[in-house]
Amino acid sequence: MGLELGSNKPCYLHLTLVPIIKSAGEIKTKPTQHSVKELRGIGIQPDALLCRSDRPIPDDEEEKIALFTNVQARA
């Protein structure tokens, strides 16, 4: 779609799971980082991430995801 409409027209959203290891209470951001890397490998850079989780994701983890995926934290 980006090639047909031009890079400034489509908006790419990526739905991803941010798992939480309940026994440790630890949030895992690596699966999200990896899936965005795979998308970028085929030429798609998401404009926004829709992160699924069974509890709210803390701001510091959102910043970490933003840093490693090159997607703004507010997106």
PDB file of N, CA and C in Angstrom:
ATOM      1  N   MET A   1       0.821  -1.186   0.000  1.00  0.00           N
ATOM      2  CA  MET A   1       0.000   0.000   0.000  1.00  0.00           C
ATOM      3  C   MET A   1       0.869   1.256   0.000  1.00  0.00           C
ATOM      4  N   GLY A   2       1.971   1.219   0.782  1.00  0.00           N
ATOM      5  CA  GLY A   2       2.869   2.369   0.828  1.00  0.00           C
ATOM      6  C   GLY A   2       3.486   2.669  -0.524  1.00  0.00           C
ATOM      7  N   LEU A   3       3.756   1.632  -1.297  1.00  0.00           N
ATOM      8  CA  LEU A   3       4.334   1.845  -2.622  1.00  0.00           C
ATOM      9  C   LEU A   3       3.308   2.407  -3.606  1.00  0.00           C
ATOM     10  N   GLU A   4       2.066   1.968  -3.468  1.00  0.00           N
ATOM     11  CA  GLU A   4       1.027   2.425  -4.384  1.00  0.00           C
ATOM     12  C   GLU A   4       0.551   3.836  -4.077  1.00  0.00           C
ATOM     13  N   LEU A   5       0.393   4.166  -2.799  1.00  0.00           N
ATOM     14  CA  LEU A   5      -0.147   5.469  -2.412  1.00  0.00           C
ATOM     15  C   LEU A   5       0.914   6.505  -2.073  1.00  0.00           C
ATOM     16  N   GLY A   6       2.143   6.056  -1.897  1.00  0.00           N
ATOM     17  CA  GLY A   6       3.193   6.975  -1.466  1.00  0.00           C
ATOM     18  C   GLY A   6       3.402   6.826   0.029  1.00  0.00           C
ATOM     19  N   SER A   7       4.594   7.125   0.476  1.00  0.00           N
ATOM     20  CA  SER A   7       4.942   6.874   1.881  1.00  0.00           C
ATOM     21  C   SER A   7       4.268   7.819   2.863  1.00  0.00           C
ATOM     22  N   ASN A   8       3.698   8.936   2.406  1.00  0.00           N
ATOM     23  CA  ASN A   8       3.086   9.887   3.336  1.00  0.00           C
ATOM     24  C   ASN A   8       1.583   9.688   3.499  1.00  0.00           C
ATOM     25  N   LYS A   9       0.961   8.749   2.802  1.00  0.00           N
ATOM     26  CA  LYS A   9      -0.487   8.577   2.883  1.00  0.00           C
ATOM     27  C   LYS A   9      -0.944   7.482   3.837  1.00  0.00           C
ATOM     28  N   PRO A  10      -0.415   6.252   3.754  1.00  0.00           N
ATOM     29  CA  PRO A  10      -0.925   5.212   4.662  1.00  0.00           C
ATOM     30  C   PRO A  10      -0.391   5.380   6.080  1.00  0.00           C
ATOM     31  N   CYS A  11      -1.131   4.838   7.012  1.00  0.00           N
ATOM     32  CA  CYS A  11      -0.709   4.804   8.416  1.00  0.00           C
ATOM     33  C   CYS A  11      -0.605   3.336   8.802  1.00  0.00           C
ATOM     34  N   TYR A  12       0.579   2.921   9.211  1.00  0.00           N
ATOM     35  CA  TYR A  12       0.794   1.534   9.567  1.00  0.00           C
ATOM     36  C   TYR A  12       0.644   1.347  11.078  1.00  0.00           C
ATOM     37  N   LEU A  13      -0.299   0.493  11.467  1.00  0.00           N
ATOM     38  CA  LEU A  13      -0.516   0.128  12.866  1.00  0.00           C
ATOM     39  C   LEU A  13      -0.072  -1.313  13.038  1.00  0.00           C
ATOM     40  N   HIS A  14       0.573  -1.567  14.160  1.00  0.00           N
ATOM     41  CA  HIS A  14       1.038  -2.931  14.430  1.00  0.00           C
ATOM     42  C   HIS A  14       0.456  -3.367  15.773  1.00  0.00           C
ATOM     43  N   LEU A  15      -0.330  -4.425  15.755  1.00  0.00           N
ATOM     44  CA  LEU A  15      -0.909  -4.990  16.977  1.00  0.00           C
ATOM     45  C   LEU A  15       0.049  -6.038  17.514  1.00  0.00           C
ATOM     46  N   THR A  16       0.436  -5.892  18.768  1.00  0.00           N
ATOM     47  CA  THR A  16       1.415  -6.792  19.353  1.00  0.00           C
ATOM     48  C   THR A  16       1.050  -7.115  20.800  1.00  0.00           C
ATOM     49  N   LEU A  17       1.492  -8.270  21.234  1.00  0.00           N
ATOM     50  CA  LEU A  17       1.270  -8.702  22.608  1.00  0.00           C
ATOM     51  C   LEU A  17       2.497  -8.354  23.446  1.00  0.00           C
ATOM     52  N   VAL A  18       2.276  -7.750  24.591  1.00  0.00           N
ATOM     53  CA  VAL A  18       3.346  -7.498  25.561  1.00  0.00           C
ATOM     54  C   VAL A  18       3.051  -8.431  26.734  1.00  0.00           C
ATOM     55  N   PRO A  19       3.690  -9.614  26.730  1.00  0.00           N
ATOM     56  CA  PRO A  19       3.384 -10.593  27.780  1.00  0.00           C
ATOM     57  C   PRO A  19       3.940 -10.176  29.140  1.00  0.00           C
ATOM     58  N   ILE A  20       3.250 -10.613  30.167  1.00  0.00           N
ATOM     59  CA  ILE A  20       3.688 -10.384  31.545  1.00  0.00           C
ATOM     60  C   ILE A  20       3.847 -11.745  32.197  1.00  0.00           C
ATOM     61  N   ILE A  21       5.045 -11.998  32.705  1.00  0.00           N
ATOM     62  CA  ILE A  21       5.311 -13.240  33.423  1.00  0.00           C
ATOM     63  C   ILE A  21       4.728 -13.075  34.828  1.00  0.00           C
ATOM     64  N   LYS A  22       3.605 -13.710  35.076  1.00  0.00           N
ATOM     65  CA  LYS A  22       2.867 -13.484  36.325  1.00  0.00           C
ATOM     66  C   LYS A  22       3.645 -13.885  37.565  1.00  0.00           C
ATOM     67  N   SER A  23       4.386 -14.985  37.497  1.00  0.00           N
ATOM     68  CA  SER A  23       5.109 -15.442  38.687  1.00  0.00           C
ATOM     69  C   SER A  23       6.183 -14.449  39.112  1.00  0.00           C
ATOM     70  N   ALA A  24       6.771 -13.739  38.142  1.00  0.00           N
ATOM     71  CA  ALA A  24       7.825 -12.764  38.455  1.00  0.00           C
ATOM     72  C   ALA A  24       7.318 -11.333  38.376  1.00  0.00           C
ATOM     73  N   GLY A  25       6.120 -11.147  37.814  1.00  0.00           N
ATOM     74  CA  GLY A  25       5.588  -9.799  37.637  1.00  0.00           C
ATOM     75  C   GLY A  25       6.402  -8.989  36.634  1.00  0.00           C
ATOM     76  N   GLU A  26       7.049  -9.684  35.706  1.00  0.00           N
ATOM     77  CA  GLU A  26       7.970  -9.045  34.769  1.00  0.00           C
ATOM     78  C   GLU A  26       7.312  -8.858  33.410  1.00  0.00           C
ATOM     79  N   ILE A  27       7.488  -7.666  32.839  1.00  0.00           N
ATOM     80  CA  ILE A  27       6.954  -7.355  31.518  1.00  0.00           C
ATOM     81  C   ILE A  27       8.027  -7.657  30.482  1.00  0.00           C
ATOM     82  N   LYS A  28       7.642  -8.350  29.417  1.00  0.00           N
ATOM     83  CA  LYS A  28       8.571  -8.716  28.356  1.00  0.00           C
ATOM     84  C   LYS A  28       8.300  -7.862  27.116  1.00  0.00           C
ATOM     85  N   THR A  29       9.243  -7.005  26.789  1.00  0.00           N
ATOM     86  CA  THR A  29       9.088  -6.146  25.611  1.00  0.00           C
ATOM     87  C   THR A  29       9.792  -6.711  24.384  1.00  0.00           C
ATOM     88  N   LYS A  30      10.613  -7.716  24.565  1.00  0.00           N
ATOM     89  CA  LYS A  30      11.411  -8.266  23.462  1.00  0.00           C
ATOM     90  C   LYS A  30      10.551  -8.807  22.314  1.00  0.00           C
ATOM     91  N   PRO A  31       9.424  -9.504  22.577  1.00  0.00           N
ATOM     92  CA  PRO A  31       8.610  -9.963  21.442  1.00  0.00           C
ATOM     93  C   PRO A  31       8.117  -8.810  20.561  1.00  0.00           C
ATOM     94  N   THR A  32       7.764  -7.697  21.169  1.00  0.00           N
ATOM     95  CA  THR A  32       7.328  -6.527  20.410  1.00  0.00           C
ATOM     96  C   THR A  32       8.487  -5.957  19.604  1.00  0.00           C
ATOM     97  N   GLN A  33       9.643  -5.845  20.250  1.00  0.00           N
ATOM     98  CA  GLN A  33      10.823  -5.342  19.548  1.00  0.00           C
ATOM     99  C   GLN A  33      11.149  -6.226  18.344  1.00  0.00           C
ATOM    100  N   HIS A  34      11.074  -7.527  18.543  1.00  0.00           N
ATOM    101  CA  HIS A  34      11.410  -8.468  17.472  1.00  0.00           C
ATOM    102  C   HIS A  34      10.408  -8.396  16.317  1.00  0.00           C
ATOM    103  N   SER A  35       9.131  -8.296  16.634  1.00  0.00           N
ATOM    104  CA  SER A  35       8.136  -8.262  15.557  1.00  0.00           C
ATOM    105  C   SER A  35       8.254  -6.980  14.738  1.00  0.00           C
ATOM    106  N   VAL A  36       8.585  -5.864  15.383  1.00  0.00           N
ATOM    107  CA  VAL A  36       8.785  -4.615  14.644  1.00  0.00           C
ATOM    108  C   VAL A  36      10.033  -4.730  13.768  1.00  0.00           C
ATOM    109  N   LYS A  37      11.072  -5.371  14.278  1.00  0.00           N
ATOM    110  CA  LYS A  37      12.292  -5.584  13.488  1.00  0.00           C
ATOM    111  C   LYS A  37      11.980  -6.403  12.238  1.00  0.00           C
ATOM    112  N   GLU A  38      11.147  -7.439  12.394  1.00  0.00           N
ATOM    113  CA  GLU A  38      10.770  -8.263  11.246  1.00  0.00           C
ATOM    114  C   GLU A  38       9.970  -7.458  10.223  1.00  0.00           C
ATOM    115  N   LEU A  39       9.072  -6.600  10.689  1.00  0.00           N
ATOM    116  CA  LEU A  39       8.315  -5.750   9.769  1.00  0.00           C
ATOM    117  C   LEU A  39       9.246  -4.815   9.013  1.00  0.00           C
ATOM    118  N   ARG A  40      10.177  -4.205   9.736  1.00  0.00           N
ATOM    119  CA  ARG A  40      11.125  -3.302   9.086  1.00  0.00           C
ATOM    120  C   ARG A  40      11.978  -4.049   8.072  1.00  0.00           C
ATOM    121  N   GLY A  41      12.229  -5.327   8.323  1.00  0.00           N
ATOM    122  CA  GLY A  41      12.992  -6.144   7.390  1.00  0.00           C
ATOM    123  C   GLY A  41      12.298  -6.325   6.045  1.00  0.00           C
ATOM    124  N   ILE A  42      10.972  -6.207   6.031  1.00  0.00           N
ATOM    125  CA  ILE A  42      10.240  -6.310   4.760  1.00  0.00           C
ATOM    126  C   ILE A  42       9.777  -4.939   4.263  1.00  0.00           C
ATOM    127  N   GLY A  43      10.315  -3.874   4.884  1.00  0.00           N
ATOM    128  CA  GLY A  43      10.057  -2.528   4.391  1.00  0.00           C
ATOM    129  C   GLY A  43       8.881  -1.804   4.998  1.00  0.00           C
ATOM    130  N   ILE A  44       8.376  -2.267   6.125  1.00  0.00           N
ATOM    131  CA  ILE A  44       7.245  -1.604   6.776  1.00  0.00           C
ATOM    132  C   ILE A  44       7.696  -1.059   8.128  1.00  0.00           C
ATOM    133  N   GLN A  45       7.621   0.257   8.298  1.00  0.00           N
ATOM    134  CA  GLN A  45       7.923   0.892   9.580  1.00  0.00           C
ATOM    135  C   GLN A  45       6.600   1.323  10.200  1.00  0.00           C
ATOM    136  N   PRO A  46       6.186   0.706  11.311  1.00  0.00           N
ATOM    137  CA  PRO A  46       4.912   1.095  11.925  1.00  0.00           C
ATOM    138  C   PRO A  46       4.918   2.548  12.381  1.00  0.00           C
ATOM    139  N   ASP A  47       3.778   3.204  12.210  1.00  0.00           N
ATOM    140  CA  ASP A  47       3.598   4.566  12.711  1.00  0.00           C
ATOM    141  C   ASP A  47       3.108   4.544  14.148  1.00  0.00           C
ATOM    142  N   ALA A  48       2.407   3.478  14.518  1.00  0.00           N
ATOM    143  CA  ALA A  48       1.881   3.348  15.875  1.00  0.00           C
ATOM    144  C   ALA A  48       1.817   1.871  16.250  1.00  0.00           C
ATOM    145  N   LEU A  49       1.941   1.607  17.536  1.00  0.00           N
ATOM    146  CA  LEU A  49       1.851   0.245  18.058  1.00  0.00           C
ATOM    147  C   LEU A  49       0.622   0.136  18.941  1.00  0.00           C
ATOM    148  N   LEU A  50      -0.129  -0.925  18.762  1.00  0.00           N
ATOM    149  CA  LEU A  50      -1.249  -1.255  19.638  1.00  0.00           C
ATOM    150  C   LEU A  50      -0.769  -2.421  20.491  1.00  0.00           C
ATOM    151  N   CYS A  51      -0.436  -2.136  21.737  1.00  0.00           N
ATOM    152  CA  CYS A  51       0.158  -3.144  22.608  1.00  0.00           C
ATOM    153  C   CYS A  51      -0.898  -3.756  23.508  1.00  0.00           C
ATOM    154  N   ARG A  52      -1.102  -5.066  23.378  1.00  0.00           N
ATOM    155  CA  ARG A  52      -2.057  -5.801  24.198  1.00  0.00           C
ATOM    156  C   ARG A  52      -1.356  -6.305  25.447  1.00  0.00           C
ATOM    157  N   SER A  53      -2.037  -6.214  26.562  1.00  0.00           N
ATOM    158  CA  SER A  53      -1.505  -6.719  27.819  1.00  0.00           C
ATOM    159  C   SER A  53      -2.667  -6.895  28.789  1.00  0.00           C
ATOM    160  N   ASP A  54      -2.484  -7.747  29.786  1.00  0.00           N
ATOM    161  CA  ASP A  54      -3.564  -7.958  30.741  1.00  0.00           C
ATOM    162  C   ASP A  54      -3.555  -6.927  31.877  1.00  0.00           C
ATOM    163  N   ARG A  55      -2.611  -6.003  31.835  1.00  0.00           N
ATOM    164  CA  ARG A  55      -2.576  -4.874  32.786  1.00  0.00           C
ATOM    165  C   ARG A  55      -1.914  -3.688  32.107  1.00  0.00           C
ATOM    166  N   PRO A  56      -2.072  -2.492  32.645  1.00  0.00           N
ATOM    167  CA  PRO A  56      -1.444  -1.313  32.023  1.00  0.00           C
ATOM    168  C   PRO A  56       0.075  -1.454  31.945  1.00  0.00           C
ATOM    169  N   ILE A  57       0.629  -0.964  30.854  1.00  0.00           N
ATOM    170  CA  ILE A  57       2.075  -1.011  30.654  1.00  0.00           C
ATOM    171  C   ILE A  57       2.672   0.263  31.265  1.00  0.00           C
ATOM    172  N   PRO A  58       3.633   0.127  32.180  1.00  0.00           N
ATOM    173  CA  PRO A  58       4.238   1.310  32.816  1.00  0.00           C
ATOM    174  C   PRO A  58       4.941   2.216  31.800  1.00  0.00           C
ATOM    175  N   ASP A  59       5.009   3.497  32.135  1.00  0.00           N
ATOM    176  CA  ASP A  59       5.613   4.474  31.235  1.00  0.00           C
ATOM    177  C   ASP A  59       7.052   4.132  30.874  1.00  0.00           C
ATOM    178  N   ASP A  60       7.825   3.619  31.827  1.00  0.00           N
ATOM    179  CA  ASP A  60       9.223   3.301  31.525  1.00  0.00           C
ATOM    180  C   ASP A  60       9.333   2.160  30.511  1.00  0.00           C
ATOM    181  N   GLU A  61       8.397   1.228  30.546  1.00  0.00           N
ATOM    182  CA  GLU A  61       8.392   0.145  29.557  1.00  0.00           C
ATOM    183  C   GLU A  61       7.942   0.660  28.189  1.00  0.00           C
ATOM    184  N   GLU A  62       7.007   1.609  28.174  1.00  0.00           N
ATOM    185  CA  GLU A  62       6.600   2.230  26.914  1.00  0.00           C
ATOM    186  C   GLU A  62       7.774   2.968  26.285  1.00  0.00           C
ATOM    187  N   GLU A  63       8.547   3.659  27.106  1.00  0.00           N
ATOM    188  CA  GLU A  63       9.735   4.360  26.609  1.00  0.00           C
ATOM    189  C   GLU A  63      10.754   3.371  26.050  1.00  0.00           C
ATOM    190  N   LYS A  64      10.900   2.241  26.705  1.00  0.00           N
ATOM    191  CA  LYS A  64      11.830   1.206  26.243  1.00  0.00           C
ATOM    192  C   LYS A  64      11.390   0.659  24.884  1.00  0.00           C
ATOM    193  N   ILE A  65      10.106   0.394  24.743  1.00  0.00           N
ATOM    194  CA  ILE A  65       9.575  -0.081  23.462  1.00  0.00           C
ATOM    195  C   ILE A  65       9.813   0.970  22.382  1.00  0.00           C
ATOM    196  N   ALA A  66       9.544   2.223  22.702  1.00  0.00           N
ATOM    197  CA  ALA A  66       9.737   3.308  21.741  1.00  0.00           C
ATOM    198  C   ALA A  66      11.194   3.401  21.304  1.00  0.00           C
ATOM    199  N   LEU A  67      12.099   3.294  22.248  1.00  0.00           N
ATOM    200  CA  LEU A  67      13.523   3.402  21.950  1.00  0.00           C
ATOM    201  C   LEU A  67      13.993   2.317  20.987  1.00  0.00           C
ATOM    202  N   PHE A  68      13.557   1.085  21.227  1.00  0.00           N
ATOM    203  CA  PHE A  68      14.056  -0.039  20.436  1.00  0.00           C
ATOM    204  C   PHE A  68      13.251  -0.325  19.175  1.00  0.00           C
ATOM    205  N   THR A  69      12.116   0.350  18.995  1.00  0.00           N
ATOM    206  CA  THR A  69      11.318   0.122  17.788  1.00  0.00           C
ATOM    207  C   THR A  69      11.295   1.340  16.865  1.00  0.00           C
ATOM    208  N   ASN A  70      11.843   2.454  17.332  1.00  0.00           N
ATOM    209  CA  ASN A  70      11.847   3.691  16.566  1.00  0.00           C
ATOM    210  C   ASN A  70      10.422   4.168  16.283  1.00  0.00           C
ATOM    211  N   VAL A  71       9.539   3.969  17.253  1.00  0.00           N
ATOM    212  CA  VAL A  71       8.163   4.468  17.210  1.00  0.00           C
ATOM    213  C   VAL A  71       8.005   5.372  18.420  1.00  0.00           C
ATOM    214  N   GLN A  72       7.449   6.548  18.234  1.00  0.00           N
ATOM    215  CA  GLN A  72       7.304   7.492  19.341  1.00  0.00           C
ATOM    216  C   GLN A  72       6.503   6.871  20.475  1.00  0.00           C
ATOM    217  N   ALA A  73       6.886   7.196  21.712  1.00  0.00           N
ATOM    218  CA  ALA A  73       6.216   6.621  22.881  1.00  0.00           C
ATOM    219  C   ALA A  73       4.733   6.976  22.917  1.00  0.00           C
ATOM    220  N   ARG A  74       4.370   8.136  22.458  1.00  0.00           N
ATOM    221  CA  ARG A  74       2.941   8.541  22.462  1.00  0.00           C
ATOM    222  C   ARG A  74       2.144   7.798  21.400  1.00  0.00           C
ATOM    223  N   ALA A  75       2.860   7.136  20.472  1.00  0.00           N
ATOM    224  CA  ALA A  75       2.181   6.401  19.389  1.00  0.00           C
ATOM    225  C   ALA A  75       2.045   4.928  19.783  1.00  0.00           C
TER     226      ALA A  75
END
